[in-house]
């Protein structure tokens, strides 16, 4: 199992085998590169062992507290801090951690032994689990289970239905039947003779607290954001930063470049010559290079071409496994570039979700009169691929029968089932809560997989605990005002990044796929979806697929999101059902590159 995810930790491997438990670790060495940091790590008497993926950004201050309480340390790692925090606080240790993590602790002191498995608050680090012949197995990636005797790969049609509705999964399902994802902010406990139990210790929730005035929030955001970036620069290996043409990555880079001279920065771009409309704005290289020059970074770029889609998709799907959201081959390409120079990279993910960066989305929640009304409105908006009423036209066979029982409204309502009825009085915060629990969770599945494919650790300063907790109860009118999102963040970042970036129209990092799918990639799409292999799956109506392709090719409809998801699903089946593994299955590549 460990060998199948060696790309997540190429520096060392270790095993803990004790009675009913066998744990494996692949280490990506970032803090304390000595042998003292190798895992599994144990407490002083060897009764508590841990395997762990991630970073605790507050481990030094937490270590000082534990030392004052009598704990003794043998290494300089954050891993050992987790063990002693568990000794001190038990399962509640997770409440003391500010970082990104997925870990498993084996405690021999309790009966025949007790297992604790945990994920960080936002689920930035993944963790999957399954049962094979009554045995609990868990791993950072599903592909690890391919090495488990008795594990059989089968497609979960309930998950396919959900994915092809939202281009995401709101439940804990995966495309692999019988494999579940441990929810963000959750722990799982297990012991011999007792079924595993899961519980949630934290969920993202936005609400309005007392209004303390604009100056309080501007200063508070700036102070906590700068501290979050500085805190996340801790490393014994090289650290760099993604740098697009936007405010989020630009703000991170501005602060990080003050701490690290000639900071390595990375961006991706596209050839947009001849394109019109919004697609002409998808290439942000010029804006990124302008900021790089002002901040004195050592900047590198990669240009993604239409031909890269067919070349990269087998690798990408092998690593993603758990398909989510829109295309990410371009993110994969930029992560590959970054891994040639650094081991840790800072990313701007989470800034939009924390500061209300999607006004056009929130408009669909405006006027909600109840949680049920909100669920109806947002289910309609987020059914971006195949709405429930359209499923009978596209789905056939067993998928059609499975999808008949699915309700997008019910799936949406379940996400907010824990909220009080009066949460609908603040539609913006209700929408932000929903998106932090769904869209952002899906985003981090992608963020982790595309980076760790190249043995690259991605960190997200915007989701630092202190910053999140400060912003979560900030009144909504400081986040969205007069149709402008991230209102308070723009004021907090004034003077840090150029005004033309601060006030620019939001443009996500997305390829011009409308044009690509109508032109250069049409033959590839048709082969994947209408060729003998794709047609033999008997999941989709061939005439319906032909209509989708024809409508997109003619320009009468834009089906790029659905076409991407259908092609990705076909590649998933080729990879995991047919056994077509890519030649490159992850890890570090030679650290060379061309500066642009």
Protein backbone atom coordinates (compact mmCIF):
# COMPACT_ATOMS: atom_id res chain seq x y z
CA UNK A 1 0.00 0.00 0.00
CA UNK A 2 2.73 2.42 0.95
CA UNK A 3 4.62 1.91 -2.30
CA UNK A 4 1.59 3.02 -4.33
CA UNK A 5 1.71 6.47 -2.71
CA UNK A 6 5.49 6.81 -2.55
CA UNK A 7 5.19 10.12 -4.42
CA UNK A 8 3.63 11.61 -1.26
CA UNK A 9 6.79 10.82 0.69
CA UNK A 10 9.92 10.00 -1.31
CA UNK A 11 12.37 10.73 1.52
CA UNK A 12 11.81 7.72 3.79
CA UNK A 13 9.37 4.99 4.73
CA UNK A 14 8.45 3.40 8.02
CA UNK A 15 6.07 0.85 9.50
CA UNK A 16 4.28 0.22 12.78
CA UNK A 17 3.05 -3.36 13.17
CA UNK A 18 1.48 -4.31 16.47
CA UNK A 19 -1.13 -7.03 16.92
CA UNK A 20 -4.23 -6.06 14.92
CA UNK A 21 -2.68 -2.89 13.50
CA UNK A 22 -0.27 -2.24 10.64
CA UNK A 23 0.55 1.38 9.73
CA UNK A 24 2.79 2.60 6.93
CA UNK A 25 4.24 6.05 6.35
CA UNK A 26 5.90 7.73 3.39
CA UNK A 27 7.70 10.85 4.54
CA UNK A 28 8.15 14.10 2.68
CA UNK A 29 10.80 15.67 4.92
CA UNK A 30 10.04 19.36 5.57
CA UNK A 31 10.71 19.95 9.28
CA UNK A 32 13.77 18.39 11.00
CA UNK A 33 15.36 16.54 8.11
CA UNK A 34 17.37 14.30 10.43
CA UNK A 35 16.60 10.66 11.15
CA UNK A 36 14.90 11.83 14.35
CA UNK A 37 11.96 12.93 12.22
CA UNK A 38 11.36 9.56 10.61
CA UNK A 39 8.01 7.91 11.17
CA UNK A 40 6.43 6.16 12.85
CA UNK A 41 7.32 8.26 15.87
CA UNK A 42 6.66 7.15 19.45
CA UNK A 43 6.33 8.69 22.90
CA UNK A 44 8.99 8.05 25.54
CA UNK A 45 7.81 4.58 26.61
CA UNK A 46 6.83 3.45 23.13
CA UNK A 47 3.17 3.01 24.00
CA UNK A 48 1.87 5.65 21.58
CA UNK A 49 2.88 5.69 17.92
CA UNK A 50 1.91 7.99 15.04
CA UNK A 51 1.99 8.22 11.24
CA UNK A 52 1.21 11.65 9.92
CA UNK A 53 0.94 13.78 6.79
CA UNK A 54 0.89 17.57 7.06
CA UNK A 55 2.23 20.50 9.07
CA UNK A 56 1.32 22.13 12.37
CA UNK A 57 2.06 25.83 12.06
CA UNK A 58 1.71 26.43 15.79
CA UNK A 59 3.79 23.45 16.86
CA UNK A 60 6.56 25.55 18.42
CA UNK A 61 4.27 27.45 20.79
CA UNK A 62 2.33 24.28 21.54
CA UNK A 63 5.59 22.48 22.27
CA UNK A 64 6.55 25.17 24.79
CA UNK A 65 3.23 24.68 26.57
CA UNK A 66 3.73 20.91 26.68
CA UNK A 67 7.30 21.25 27.98
CA UNK A 68 6.00 23.42 30.80
CA UNK A 69 3.60 20.60 31.64
CA UNK A 70 6.41 18.08 31.90
CA UNK A 71 6.62 16.57 28.43
CA UNK A 72 10.06 15.70 27.06
CA UNK A 73 11.00 15.82 23.38
CA UNK A 74 13.68 14.00 21.39
CA UNK A 75 13.25 15.69 18.00
CA UNK A 76 12.47 19.12 16.55
CA UNK A 77 9.49 17.83 14.56
CA UNK A 78 5.86 18.84 14.68
CA UNK A 79 5.02 15.12 14.53
CA UNK A 80 6.27 14.56 18.06
CA UNK A 81 4.20 17.52 19.27
CA UNK A 82 1.06 15.72 18.11
CA UNK A 83 1.94 12.67 20.18
CA UNK A 84 2.49 14.69 23.36
CA UNK A 85 -0.61 16.80 22.71
CA UNK A 86 -2.57 13.55 22.50
CA UNK A 87 -1.06 12.45 25.81
CA UNK A 88 -2.08 15.75 27.37
CA UNK A 89 -5.50 16.38 25.82
CA UNK A 90 -6.66 13.02 24.44
CA UNK A 91 -8.88 13.15 21.35
CA UNK A 92 -9.41 16.87 21.98
CA UNK A 93 -5.81 17.46 20.90
CA UNK A 94 -7.16 18.34 17.44
CA UNK A 95 -8.76 21.46 18.94
CA UNK A 96 -5.24 22.76 19.69
CA UNK A 97 -3.81 22.32 16.18
CA UNK A 98 -3.45 25.11 13.61
CA UNK A 99 -2.37 23.42 10.43
CA UNK A 100 -3.01 20.88 7.73
CA UNK A 101 -3.02 17.24 8.75
CA UNK A 102 -4.22 13.70 8.46
CA UNK A 103 -2.80 11.36 11.07
CA UNK A 104 -3.31 8.03 12.81
CA UNK A 105 -2.32 7.39 16.42
CA UNK A 106 -2.08 3.87 17.84
CA UNK A 107 -2.43 3.85 21.63
CA UNK A 108 -1.34 0.58 23.24
CA UNK A 109 -2.35 1.77 26.72
CA UNK A 110 -6.08 1.23 26.09
CA UNK A 111 -7.24 -2.41 26.24
CA UNK A 112 -5.90 -4.30 23.22
CA UNK A 113 -5.07 -0.96 21.63
CA UNK A 114 -7.03 2.01 20.31
CA UNK A 115 -6.77 3.85 17.00
CA UNK A 116 -7.41 7.57 16.48
CA UNK A 117 -7.55 8.93 12.94
CA UNK A 118 -8.06 12.66 12.30
CA UNK A 119 -8.24 15.32 9.56
CA UNK A 120 -7.70 19.07 9.75
CA UNK A 121 -10.58 21.53 9.96
CA UNK A 122 -11.02 22.20 6.24
CA UNK A 123 -9.82 18.80 5.03
CA UNK A 124 -6.79 20.24 3.28
CA UNK A 125 -5.11 16.85 3.73
CA UNK A 126 -7.18 13.90 2.47
CA UNK A 127 -8.01 10.63 4.20
CA UNK A 128 -10.03 7.74 2.76
CA UNK A 129 -11.21 4.53 4.37
CA UNK A 130 -12.81 1.23 3.40
CA UNK A 131 -13.51 -2.22 4.79
CA UNK A 132 -12.14 -5.40 3.20
CA UNK A 133 -13.31 -8.68 4.72
CA UNK A 134 -14.21 -6.83 7.89
CA UNK A 135 -10.81 -5.12 8.17
CA UNK A 136 -10.63 -1.31 8.34
CA UNK A 137 -8.13 0.17 5.91
CA UNK A 138 -7.34 3.87 5.48
CA UNK A 139 -4.92 5.94 3.43
CA UNK A 140 -4.18 9.41 2.08
CA UNK A 141 -5.10 8.22 -1.41
CA UNK A 142 -7.49 5.57 -2.66
CA UNK A 143 -4.87 3.99 -4.92
CA UNK A 144 -3.13 2.65 -1.81
CA UNK A 145 -6.01 0.17 -1.48
CA UNK A 146 -5.02 -1.36 -4.81
CA UNK A 147 -2.23 -3.08 -2.89
CA UNK A 148 -4.65 -4.56 -0.36
CA UNK A 149 -5.51 -8.25 -0.93
CA UNK A 150 -9.23 -8.58 -1.49
CA UNK A 151 -9.86 -4.99 -2.56
CA UNK A 152 -11.93 -4.88 -5.73
CA UNK A 153 -12.43 -1.74 -7.82
CA UNK A 154 -16.02 -1.05 -8.83
CA UNK A 155 -17.77 2.14 -9.90
CA UNK A 156 -20.16 3.66 -7.36
CA UNK A 157 -23.13 4.76 -9.45
CA UNK A 158 -24.58 6.85 -6.62
CA UNK A 159 -21.33 8.81 -6.59
CA UNK A 160 -21.39 9.11 -10.39
CA UNK A 161 -24.90 10.57 -10.17
CA UNK A 162 -23.79 13.10 -7.58
CA UNK A 163 -20.63 14.01 -9.47
CA UNK A 164 -22.47 14.50 -12.75
CA UNK A 165 -24.97 16.75 -11.00
CA UNK A 166 -22.70 19.11 -9.07
CA UNK A 167 -19.28 18.40 -10.62
CA UNK A 168 -18.49 17.60 -7.00
CA UNK A 169 -19.49 15.24 -4.20
CA UNK A 170 -21.34 16.65 -1.22
CA UNK A 171 -21.55 13.30 0.57
CA UNK A 172 -18.65 11.17 1.83
CA UNK A 173 -18.86 8.88 -1.21
CA UNK A 174 -16.15 8.42 -3.82
CA UNK A 175 -16.26 6.96 -7.32
CA UNK A 176 -14.86 3.76 -5.80
CA UNK A 177 -17.68 1.63 -4.43
CA UNK A 178 -17.20 1.03 -0.73
CA UNK A 179 -14.56 3.75 -0.27
CA UNK A 180 -15.50 6.77 1.81
CA UNK A 181 -13.73 9.99 2.65
CA UNK A 182 -13.39 10.95 6.29
CA UNK A 183 -15.12 14.32 6.48
CA UNK A 184 -13.06 17.48 7.09
CA UNK A 185 -12.84 18.41 10.76
CA UNK A 186 -13.54 14.83 11.82
CA UNK A 187 -11.98 12.06 13.87
CA UNK A 188 -12.46 8.31 13.71
CA UNK A 189 -11.79 5.97 16.61
CA UNK A 190 -11.53 2.18 16.46
CA UNK A 191 -10.54 -0.68 18.73
CA UNK A 192 -10.68 -4.46 18.62
CA UNK A 193 -14.21 -5.76 18.85
CA UNK A 194 -15.82 -2.35 18.36
CA UNK A 195 -17.04 -0.77 15.12
CA UNK A 196 -15.23 2.44 14.14
CA UNK A 197 -16.95 5.64 15.20
CA UNK A 198 -16.67 9.02 13.51
CA UNK A 199 -17.46 12.43 14.94
CA UNK A 200 -17.15 16.01 13.75
CA UNK A 201 -15.11 18.39 15.92
CA UNK A 202 -15.41 21.44 13.63
CA UNK A 203 -17.36 22.70 10.62
CA UNK A 204 -17.02 25.99 8.73
CA UNK A 205 -19.90 28.27 9.68
CA UNK A 206 -20.29 31.98 8.95
CA UNK A 207 -22.53 34.17 11.07
CA UNK A 208 -22.80 37.85 12.02
CA UNK A 209 -21.38 39.01 15.33
CA UNK A 210 -21.27 42.46 16.90
CA UNK A 211 -20.13 45.17 14.49
CA UNK A 212 -16.81 46.60 15.72
CA UNK A 213 -16.25 49.05 12.90
CA UNK A 214 -14.34 49.12 9.65
CA UNK A 215 -10.96 50.09 11.11
CA UNK A 216 -11.07 47.16 13.53
CA UNK A 217 -11.65 44.69 10.72
CA UNK A 218 -9.18 46.23 8.27
CA UNK A 219 -6.39 46.17 10.85
CA UNK A 220 -7.41 42.78 12.19
CA UNK A 221 -7.41 41.14 8.76
CA UNK A 222 -4.08 42.65 7.77
CA UNK A 223 -2.41 41.68 11.06
CA UNK A 224 -3.69 38.09 11.06
CA UNK A 225 -3.04 37.56 7.37
CA UNK A 226 0.56 38.71 7.61
CA UNK A 227 1.09 36.48 10.64
CA UNK A 228 -0.49 33.53 8.82
CA UNK A 229 1.89 33.87 5.88
CA UNK A 230 4.93 34.25 8.14
CA UNK A 231 3.82 31.26 10.19
CA UNK A 232 3.45 29.11 7.11
CA UNK A 233 6.94 29.93 5.87
CA UNK A 234 8.40 27.64 8.54
CA UNK A 235 10.43 24.98 6.76
CA UNK A 236 13.83 23.33 6.56
CA UNK A 237 13.48 23.03 2.77
CA UNK A 238 12.91 25.51 -0.06
CA UNK A 239 9.59 27.42 -0.06
CA UNK A 240 8.02 29.19 -3.05
CA UNK A 241 4.65 30.67 -3.97
CA UNK A 242 2.14 30.48 -6.78
CA UNK A 243 1.67 33.91 -8.35
CA UNK A 244 -1.25 34.51 -10.68
CA UNK A 245 -2.47 37.90 -11.74
CA UNK A 246 -4.88 38.14 -8.81
CA UNK A 247 -5.12 39.64 -5.36
CA UNK A 248 -4.93 36.46 -3.28
CA UNK A 249 -1.67 34.95 -4.50
CA UNK A 250 -0.28 38.45 -4.95
CA UNK A 251 -0.91 39.32 -1.30
CA UNK A 252 0.74 36.10 -0.14
CA UNK A 253 3.74 36.68 -2.37
CA UNK A 254 4.12 40.30 -1.24
CA UNK A 255 4.50 39.21 2.38
CA UNK A 256 6.54 36.06 1.71
CA UNK A 257 9.01 37.92 -0.54
CA UNK A 258 9.87 40.22 2.37
CA UNK A 259 10.96 37.20 4.39
CA UNK A 260 12.64 35.18 1.61
CA UNK A 261 14.90 37.13 -0.79
CA UNK A 262 14.45 36.14 -4.44
CA UNK A 263 11.44 34.01 -3.57
CA UNK A 264 10.62 31.47 -6.29
CA UNK A 265 7.21 32.16 -7.83
CA UNK A 266 5.26 30.21 -10.41
CA UNK A 267 2.39 30.81 -12.78
CA UNK A 268 0.74 29.20 -15.76
CA UNK A 269 -0.68 30.71 -18.89
CA UNK A 270 -2.33 30.05 -22.24
CA UNK A 271 -1.94 31.27 -25.80
CA UNK A 272 -5.01 33.48 -26.22
CA UNK A 273 -4.16 35.15 -29.52
CA UNK A 274 -7.25 35.32 -31.67
CA UNK A 275 -9.65 34.61 -28.81
CA UNK A 276 -12.44 36.96 -27.84
CA UNK A 277 -14.71 37.65 -24.88
CA UNK A 278 -13.79 36.35 -21.44
CA UNK A 279 -11.43 33.75 -22.92
CA UNK A 280 -9.11 36.53 -24.08
CA UNK A 281 -8.58 37.35 -20.38
CA UNK A 282 -7.60 33.87 -19.22
CA UNK A 283 -3.86 34.40 -19.62
CA UNK A 284 -2.52 36.18 -16.54
CA UNK A 285 1.19 35.91 -17.28
CA UNK A 286 1.69 39.64 -17.87
CA UNK A 287 0.07 40.61 -14.56
CA UNK A 288 2.03 37.94 -12.68
CA UNK A 289 5.32 39.06 -14.23
CA UNK A 290 4.55 42.68 -13.35
CA UNK A 291 4.03 41.73 -9.69
CA UNK A 292 7.13 39.54 -9.74
CA UNK A 293 9.24 42.47 -10.89
CA UNK A 294 7.86 44.76 -8.19
CA UNK A 295 8.34 42.16 -5.46
CA UNK A 296 11.75 40.98 -6.63
CA UNK A 297 10.88 37.31 -7.03
CA UNK A 298 12.58 34.72 -9.22
CA UNK A 299 9.68 33.93 -11.52
CA UNK A 300 8.96 30.91 -13.71
CA UNK A 301 6.09 30.20 -16.06
CA UNK A 302 4.63 27.30 -17.99
CA UNK A 303 2.37 27.68 -21.03
CA UNK A 304 -0.36 25.05 -21.29
CA UNK A 305 -1.41 24.06 -24.82
CA UNK A 306 -4.49 22.14 -26.06
CA UNK A 307 -2.25 19.15 -26.83
CA UNK A 308 -1.36 18.93 -23.14
CA UNK A 309 -4.89 17.77 -22.28
CA UNK A 310 -4.58 14.37 -23.96
CA UNK A 311 -1.00 13.97 -22.76
CA UNK A 312 -1.62 14.90 -19.12
CA UNK A 313 -5.10 13.48 -18.50
CA UNK A 314 -4.00 9.87 -17.75
CA UNK A 315 -1.47 11.12 -15.18
CA UNK A 316 -3.92 13.61 -13.72
CA UNK A 317 -6.75 11.11 -13.26
CA UNK A 318 -4.39 8.55 -11.73
CA UNK A 319 -3.51 11.11 -9.09
CA UNK A 320 -6.90 12.75 -8.63
CA UNK A 321 -8.76 9.41 -8.35
CA UNK A 322 -11.60 11.23 -6.61
CA UNK A 323 -12.83 13.46 -9.43
CA UNK A 324 -13.95 16.94 -8.39
CA UNK A 325 -14.67 20.33 -9.96
CA UNK A 326 -13.59 21.69 -13.33
CA UNK A 327 -10.44 20.89 -15.26
CA UNK A 328 -7.14 20.93 -13.37
CA UNK A 329 -4.48 19.75 -15.85
CA UNK A 330 -3.17 23.33 -15.92
CA UNK A 331 -2.84 23.32 -12.11
CA UNK A 332 -1.05 19.98 -12.44
CA UNK A 333 1.39 21.52 -14.93
CA UNK A 334 2.18 24.49 -12.67
CA UNK A 335 2.68 22.19 -9.66
CA UNK A 336 5.08 20.09 -11.73
CA UNK A 337 7.02 23.24 -12.60
CA UNK A 338 7.17 24.37 -8.97
CA UNK A 339 8.39 20.96 -7.78
CA UNK A 340 11.55 21.38 -9.84
CA UNK A 341 12.63 24.25 -7.59
CA UNK A 342 10.93 23.94 -4.19
CA UNK A 343 9.38 21.36 -1.85
CA UNK A 344 6.77 23.68 -0.31
CA UNK A 345 4.55 26.15 -2.17
CA UNK A 346 2.09 28.74 -0.87
CA UNK A 347 -1.30 28.90 -2.62
CA UNK A 348 -4.11 31.45 -2.60
CA UNK A 349 -6.94 28.92 -2.24
CA UNK A 350 -9.60 29.88 0.27
CA UNK A 351 -9.42 33.64 -0.14
CA UNK A 352 -12.63 33.83 -2.18
CA UNK A 353 -14.51 31.48 0.14
CA UNK A 354 -13.43 33.36 3.26
CA UNK A 355 -14.08 36.90 1.99
CA UNK A 356 -17.09 36.44 -0.34
CA UNK A 357 -15.33 36.47 -3.68
CA UNK A 358 -18.23 35.12 -5.76
CA UNK A 359 -21.02 37.76 -5.80
CA UNK A 360 -22.73 36.23 -8.85
CA UNK A 361 -23.18 32.98 -6.95
CA UNK A 362 -24.57 34.56 -3.82
CA UNK A 363 -27.22 36.33 -5.90
CA UNK A 364 -28.96 32.97 -6.23
CA UNK A 365 -29.37 32.80 -2.44
CA UNK A 366 -30.66 36.35 -2.05
CA UNK A 367 -34.23 36.48 -0.82
CA UNK A 368 -34.20 32.98 0.68
CA UNK A 369 -37.01 32.71 3.20
CA UNK A 370 -36.00 29.44 4.86
CA UNK A 371 -33.35 26.73 4.76
CA UNK A 372 -35.58 24.70 2.46
CA UNK A 373 -36.02 27.67 0.14
CA UNK A 374 -32.25 28.20 0.10
CA UNK A 375 -31.68 24.50 -0.64
CA UNK A 376 -34.08 24.69 -3.58
CA UNK A 377 -32.41 27.80 -5.00
CA UNK A 378 -28.84 26.63 -4.52
CA UNK A 379 -29.55 23.09 -5.73
CA UNK A 380 -30.81 24.59 -8.97
CA UNK A 381 -27.77 26.83 -9.33
CA UNK A 382 -25.18 24.19 -8.44
CA UNK A 383 -26.67 21.49 -10.67
CA UNK A 384 -24.17 22.74 -13.22
CA UNK A 385 -23.78 19.52 -15.22
CA UNK A 386 -26.92 17.39 -15.44
CA UNK A 387 -29.96 18.65 -13.48
CA UNK A 388 -32.32 16.02 -12.15
CA UNK A 389 -34.91 16.64 -14.88
CA UNK A 390 -32.29 16.07 -17.63
CA UNK A 391 -30.84 12.82 -16.29
CA UNK A 392 -33.29 10.52 -18.13
CA UNK A 393 -32.13 12.00 -21.45
CA UNK A 394 -28.44 11.23 -20.85
CA UNK A 395 -28.23 8.32 -18.42
CA UNK A 396 -29.07 4.76 -19.45
CA UNK A 397 -29.13 1.31 -17.89
CA UNK A 398 -28.18 0.87 -14.27
CA UNK A 399 -27.02 4.50 -13.97
CA UNK A 400 -30.48 5.68 -15.05
CA UNK A 401 -32.13 3.43 -12.47
CA UNK A 402 -29.75 4.58 -9.72
CA UNK A 403 -30.13 8.28 -10.52
CA UNK A 404 -33.93 8.09 -10.38
CA UNK A 405 -33.71 8.02 -6.58
CA UNK A 406 -31.38 11.04 -6.38
CA UNK A 407 -32.55 14.51 -5.39
CA UNK A 408 -30.25 17.52 -5.79
CA UNK A 409 -32.40 19.45 -3.32
CA UNK A 410 -32.10 16.74 -0.67
CA UNK A 411 -28.33 16.53 -1.18
CA UNK A 412 -28.05 20.30 -0.81
CA UNK A 413 -30.30 20.43 2.25
CA UNK A 414 -28.22 17.73 3.98
CA UNK A 415 -25.13 19.96 3.88
CA UNK A 416 -26.77 22.57 6.11
CA UNK A 417 -28.94 20.26 8.24
CA UNK A 418 -27.10 21.25 11.42
CA UNK A 419 -27.84 24.98 11.07
CA UNK A 420 -30.61 26.72 13.03
CA UNK A 421 -33.73 27.73 11.13
CA UNK A 422 -32.93 31.44 11.42
CA UNK A 423 -29.67 31.01 9.46
CA UNK A 424 -31.68 31.93 6.36
CA UNK A 425 -31.97 35.51 7.68
CA UNK A 426 -28.39 36.07 6.49
CA UNK A 427 -28.38 34.64 2.93
CA UNK A 428 -24.77 35.68 2.22
CA UNK A 429 -23.35 33.87 5.23
CA UNK A 430 -25.60 30.90 4.56
CA UNK A 431 -24.27 30.69 0.99
CA UNK A 432 -20.68 31.09 2.19
CA UNK A 433 -21.17 28.35 4.78
CA UNK A 434 -22.55 26.02 2.13
CA UNK A 435 -19.72 26.70 -0.30
CA UNK A 436 -17.03 26.30 2.35
CA UNK A 437 -18.46 22.86 3.11
CA UNK A 438 -18.81 21.78 -0.52
CA UNK A 439 -16.94 23.69 -3.19
CA UNK A 440 -13.94 24.43 -0.98
CA UNK A 441 -13.79 20.82 0.23
CA UNK A 442 -13.69 19.67 -3.39
CA UNK A 443 -11.08 22.27 -4.24
CA UNK A 444 -8.73 20.87 -1.61
CA UNK A 445 -9.06 17.35 -2.97
CA UNK A 446 -7.67 18.75 -6.22
CA UNK A 447 -5.12 21.06 -4.58
CA UNK A 448 -3.56 18.27 -2.54
CA UNK A 449 -3.51 15.64 -5.28
CA UNK A 450 -2.01 17.78 -8.06
CA UNK A 451 0.76 19.00 -5.77
CA UNK A 452 1.59 15.77 -3.95
CA UNK A 453 1.74 14.00 -7.32
CA UNK A 454 5.06 15.84 -7.64
CA UNK A 455 6.14 15.47 -3.98
CA UNK A 456 5.19 19.11 -3.42
CA UNK A 457 3.46 20.33 -0.27
CA UNK A 458 0.86 23.06 -0.82
CA UNK A 459 0.00 25.45 2.03
CA UNK A 460 -2.96 27.83 2.17
CA UNK A 461 -2.42 30.88 4.45
CA UNK A 462 -5.98 32.18 3.97
CA UNK A 463 -7.29 29.25 6.01
CA UNK A 464 -5.08 29.82 9.03
CA UNK A 465 -7.21 29.18 12.13
CA UNK A 466 -6.76 32.65 13.61
CA UNK A 467 -7.69 34.43 10.38
CA UNK A 468 -10.70 32.19 9.73
CA UNK A 469 -12.03 32.58 13.26
CA UNK A 470 -11.68 36.36 13.02
CA UNK A 471 -13.49 36.64 9.69
CA UNK A 472 -16.19 34.02 10.34
CA UNK A 473 -18.27 36.33 12.56
CA UNK A 474 -17.48 39.58 10.74
CA UNK A 475 -20.75 41.23 9.62
CA UNK A 476 -21.51 40.34 6.02
CA UNK A 477 -21.58 43.92 4.73
CA UNK A 478 -17.81 44.09 5.22
CA UNK A 479 -17.37 41.15 2.85
CA UNK A 480 -19.81 42.04 0.09
CA UNK A 481 -20.79 45.64 -0.55
CA UNK A 482 -22.48 47.25 -3.56
CA UNK A 483 -21.96 44.08 -5.56
CA UNK A 484 -18.21 44.00 -4.82
CA UNK A 485 -16.85 40.92 -3.10
CA UNK A 486 -13.82 40.80 -0.76
CA UNK A 487 -14.55 44.40 0.20
CA UNK A 488 -12.67 44.34 3.50
CA UNK A 489 -9.78 42.32 2.08
CA UNK A 490 -9.22 44.93 -0.63
CA UNK A 491 -8.87 47.60 2.03
CA UNK A 492 -6.67 45.45 4.23
CA UNK A 493 -4.30 44.69 1.35
CA UNK A 494 -4.07 48.34 0.16
CA UNK A 495 -0.43 49.34 -0.21
CA UNK A 496 0.70 45.73 -0.27
CA UNK A 497 -0.06 44.96 -3.91
CA UNK A 498 -0.54 47.26 -6.94
CA UNK A 499 -3.87 49.10 -7.12
CA UNK A 500 -4.51 47.79 -10.63
CA UNK A 501 -4.42 44.24 -9.22
CA UNK A 502 -6.37 45.16 -6.11
CA UNK A 503 -9.25 46.59 -8.13
CA UNK A 504 -9.11 44.29 -11.15
CA UNK A 505 -12.04 42.20 -12.33
CA UNK A 506 -11.84 38.69 -10.92
CA UNK A 507 -10.47 36.15 -13.39
CA UNK A 508 -9.99 32.54 -12.30
CA UNK A 509 -7.14 30.36 -13.54
CA UNK A 510 -9.05 28.48 -16.24
CA UNK A 511 -8.07 27.45 -19.78
CA UNK A 512 -9.99 28.69 -22.85
CA UNK A 513 -11.74 25.33 -23.16
CA UNK A 514 -14.81 26.63 -24.94
CA UNK A 515 -12.61 27.28 -27.96
CA UNK A 516 -10.32 24.28 -27.46
CA UNK A 517 -13.25 21.87 -27.21
CA UNK A 518 -14.82 23.30 -30.37
CA UNK A 519 -11.59 23.05 -32.33
CA UNK A 520 -8.32 21.25 -31.63
CA UNK A 521 -9.72 18.86 -29.03
CA UNK A 522 -12.95 17.82 -30.79
CA UNK A 523 -11.42 14.62 -32.27
CA UNK A 524 -10.05 13.64 -28.86
CA UNK A 525 -13.38 14.23 -27.15
CA UNK A 526 -15.22 12.18 -29.76
CA UNK A 527 -12.79 9.27 -29.50
CA UNK A 528 -13.03 9.21 -25.71
CA UNK A 529 -16.81 9.46 -25.54
CA UNK A 530 -18.00 7.78 -28.75
CA UNK A 531 -15.18 5.31 -29.41
CA UNK A 532 -15.61 1.59 -28.81
CA UNK A 533 -14.32 1.69 -25.24
CA UNK A 534 -16.48 4.57 -24.08
CA UNK A 535 -19.60 3.27 -25.80
CA UNK A 536 -19.17 -0.17 -24.24
CA UNK A 537 -19.66 1.23 -20.72
CA UNK A 538 -23.42 1.52 -21.32
CA UNK A 539 -23.77 4.49 -18.97
CA UNK A 540 -24.84 7.21 -21.39
CA UNK A 541 -27.10 7.60 -24.39
CA UNK A 542 -24.98 7.73 -27.54
CA UNK A 543 -27.39 10.12 -29.33
CA UNK A 544 -27.31 12.42 -26.29
CA UNK A 545 -23.50 12.44 -26.29
CA UNK A 546 -23.46 13.17 -30.02
CA UNK A 547 -25.84 16.08 -29.45
CA UNK A 548 -23.62 17.51 -26.69
CA UNK A 549 -20.57 17.36 -28.94
CA UNK A 550 -22.37 18.78 -31.96
CA UNK A 551 -23.94 21.64 -30.02
CA UNK A 552 -20.62 22.59 -28.50
CA UNK A 553 -18.77 22.32 -31.82
CA UNK A 554 -21.32 24.56 -33.53
CA UNK A 555 -21.21 27.13 -30.73
CA UNK A 556 -24.95 26.94 -30.08
CA UNK A 557 -24.29 25.69 -26.51
CA UNK A 558 -21.32 25.74 -24.17
CA UNK A 559 -20.98 22.23 -22.71
CA UNK A 560 -17.31 22.47 -21.72
CA UNK A 561 -17.88 21.59 -18.05
CA UNK A 562 -19.98 18.52 -18.79
CA UNK A 563 -17.69 17.37 -21.59
CA UNK A 564 -14.66 17.69 -19.32
CA UNK A 565 -16.37 15.66 -16.60
CA UNK A 566 -17.53 12.95 -19.02
CA UNK A 567 -14.04 12.61 -20.51
CA UNK A 568 -12.51 12.52 -17.03
CA UNK A 569 -14.93 9.79 -15.99
CA UNK A 570 -14.08 7.75 -19.08
CA UNK A 571 -10.37 8.15 -18.30
CA UNK A 572 -11.08 7.10 -14.68
CA UNK A 573 -12.64 3.87 -15.95
CA UNK A 574 -9.73 3.22 -18.29
CA UNK A 575 -7.29 3.79 -15.46
CA UNK A 576 -8.94 1.99 -12.55
CA UNK A 577 -11.30 -0.50 -14.18
CA UNK A 578 -9.28 -1.40 -17.28
CA UNK A 579 -5.88 -1.09 -15.58
CA UNK A 580 -4.35 1.48 -17.96
CA UNK A 581 -1.89 3.09 -15.59
CA UNK A 582 0.14 6.04 -16.87
CA UNK A 583 3.90 5.80 -17.40
CA UNK A 584 4.50 8.51 -14.78
CA UNK A 585 2.87 7.62 -11.48
CA UNK A 586 4.28 10.45 -9.38
CA UNK A 587 7.31 11.71 -7.52
CA UNK A 588 10.06 14.24 -7.97
CA UNK A 589 11.40 15.10 -11.39
CA UNK A 590 14.88 16.59 -11.99
CA UNK A 591 15.05 20.08 -10.52
CA UNK A 592 15.80 22.04 -13.67
CA UNK A 593 13.81 24.56 -15.59
CA UNK A 594 13.84 27.60 -17.80
CA UNK A 595 13.38 31.03 -16.28
CA UNK A 596 11.05 33.22 -18.28
